[in-house]
Protein backbone atom coordinates (compact mmCIF):
# COMPACT_ATOMS: atom_id res chain seq x y z
CA MET A 1 124.46 96.08 102.62
CA PRO A 2 123.12 94.95 106.01
CA THR A 3 119.62 95.71 107.21
CA LYS A 4 119.35 98.83 109.38
CA GLN A 5 117.58 99.34 112.68
CA ILE A 6 114.79 101.91 112.64
CA THR A 7 112.77 103.41 115.51
CA ASP A 8 109.47 105.21 115.96
CA SER A 9 111.35 108.53 115.90
CA THR A 10 113.54 107.80 112.83
CA PHE A 11 110.88 105.99 110.78
CA SER A 12 109.55 108.87 108.67
CA ASP A 13 112.95 110.43 107.99
CA LEU A 14 114.54 107.18 106.86
CA LEU A 15 111.54 106.30 104.72
CA SER A 16 111.64 109.63 102.90
CA GLN A 17 115.41 109.41 102.29
CA ALA A 18 115.18 106.14 100.38
CA ASP A 19 114.98 107.91 97.00
CA SER A 20 113.32 105.70 94.40
CA LYS A 21 114.23 102.44 96.12
CA LEU A 22 111.69 99.99 97.41
CA VAL A 23 111.75 100.17 101.20
CA VAL A 24 111.03 97.05 103.25
CA VAL A 25 110.31 97.52 106.95
CA ASP A 26 110.50 94.31 108.97
CA PHE A 27 108.32 94.55 112.09
CA TRP A 28 109.81 91.97 114.48
CA ALA A 29 110.58 91.17 118.16
CA ASP A 30 113.41 89.37 120.01
CA TRP A 31 111.12 86.62 121.31
CA CYS A 32 109.69 85.76 117.86
CA GLY A 33 111.12 82.54 116.39
CA PRO A 34 109.88 83.10 112.82
CA CYS A 35 111.36 86.64 112.98
CA LYS A 36 114.77 85.15 113.77
CA MET A 37 114.37 82.65 110.92
CA LEU A 38 113.54 85.49 108.49
CA ALA A 39 116.54 87.66 109.44
CA PRO A 40 119.14 85.81 107.29
CA THR A 41 116.77 85.96 104.31
CA LEU A 42 116.45 89.73 104.68
CA GLU A 43 120.23 90.13 105.05
CA SER A 44 120.81 88.08 101.90
CA LEU A 45 118.22 90.00 99.89
CA SER A 46 119.60 93.29 101.18
CA ASP A 47 122.97 92.35 99.66
CA LYS A 48 121.57 90.78 96.50
CA LEU A 49 119.18 93.64 95.68
CA ALA A 50 121.18 96.53 97.17
CA ASP A 51 120.67 98.73 94.11
CA SER A 52 116.89 98.57 94.25
CA ILE A 53 115.81 97.97 97.87
CA GLU A 54 116.56 99.20 101.35
CA ILE A 55 115.61 97.03 104.33
CA PHE A 56 114.92 98.37 107.81
CA LYS A 57 114.06 96.45 110.99
CA LEU A 58 111.70 97.86 113.61
CA ASN A 59 111.51 96.07 116.97
CA THR A 60 107.81 96.19 117.90
CA ASP A 61 108.50 95.78 121.63
CA ASP A 62 110.80 98.82 121.69
CA ASN A 63 108.77 100.84 119.17
CA PRO A 64 105.07 100.20 119.74
CA GLN A 65 103.90 103.48 118.18
CA LYS A 66 104.60 102.56 114.54
CA ALA A 67 103.49 98.97 115.07
CA GLN A 68 100.16 100.29 116.33
CA GLU A 69 99.90 102.92 113.59
CA PHE A 70 100.31 100.24 110.90
CA GLN A 71 98.02 97.83 112.77
CA ILE A 72 100.62 95.09 113.07
CA THR A 73 98.82 92.11 114.60
CA SER A 74 101.18 89.33 113.57
CA ILE A 75 104.96 89.25 113.23
CA PRO A 76 107.13 89.01 111.32
CA CYS A 77 105.34 91.48 109.10
CA CYS A 78 107.26 93.19 106.33
CA ILE A 79 105.65 96.25 104.82
CA LEU A 80 106.84 97.37 101.40
CA PHE A 81 106.88 101.11 100.72
CA LYS A 82 107.32 102.87 97.40
CA ASN A 83 107.62 106.67 97.51
CA SER A 84 106.77 106.53 101.25
CA GLN A 85 103.44 104.80 100.53
CA GLU A 86 102.58 101.25 101.58
CA VAL A 87 102.25 99.01 98.52
CA HIS A 88 102.30 95.45 99.94
CA ARG A 89 102.65 93.32 103.10
CA ILE A 90 104.47 90.04 103.53
CA ILE A 91 103.40 88.28 106.74
CA GLY A 92 105.21 85.35 108.30
CA HIS A 93 108.41 83.53 107.45
CA LYS A 94 109.06 82.68 103.81
CA SER A 95 111.98 81.14 101.94
CA GLU A 96 114.32 83.58 100.22
CA ASP A 97 112.94 82.62 96.79
CA ALA A 98 109.33 83.09 97.91
CA PHE A 99 110.13 86.41 99.59
CA GLU A 100 111.99 87.68 96.50
CA ALA A 101 109.08 86.60 94.29
CA GLU A 102 106.76 88.83 96.34
CA LEU A 103 109.19 91.76 96.07
CA THR A 104 109.75 91.49 92.32
CA PRO A 105 106.53 93.17 91.08
CA PHE A 106 107.41 96.27 93.11
CA LEU A 107 111.03 96.65 91.98
């Protein structure tokens, strides 16, 4: 299952519709090299862990409201949500194994 684009206006609705899954929101931008390096990792994990996670991508240039609300100061920044509440942040590019290791306690 591919990652899905999310916007300031769709953020809350999509977050609340995720049932009991862990939601990962990737705050990124087109000009960010590490963001582009992280994208294939997120796509792979989205497929691998489709039963337990849902991954959304929010472009911080196009959607500054949520980036500001969550005080995003460095990208890529992935915020993990469980039951619509933030439970963890993963900042910067990581290998797929390292990223999955950070997700595992929240699955």
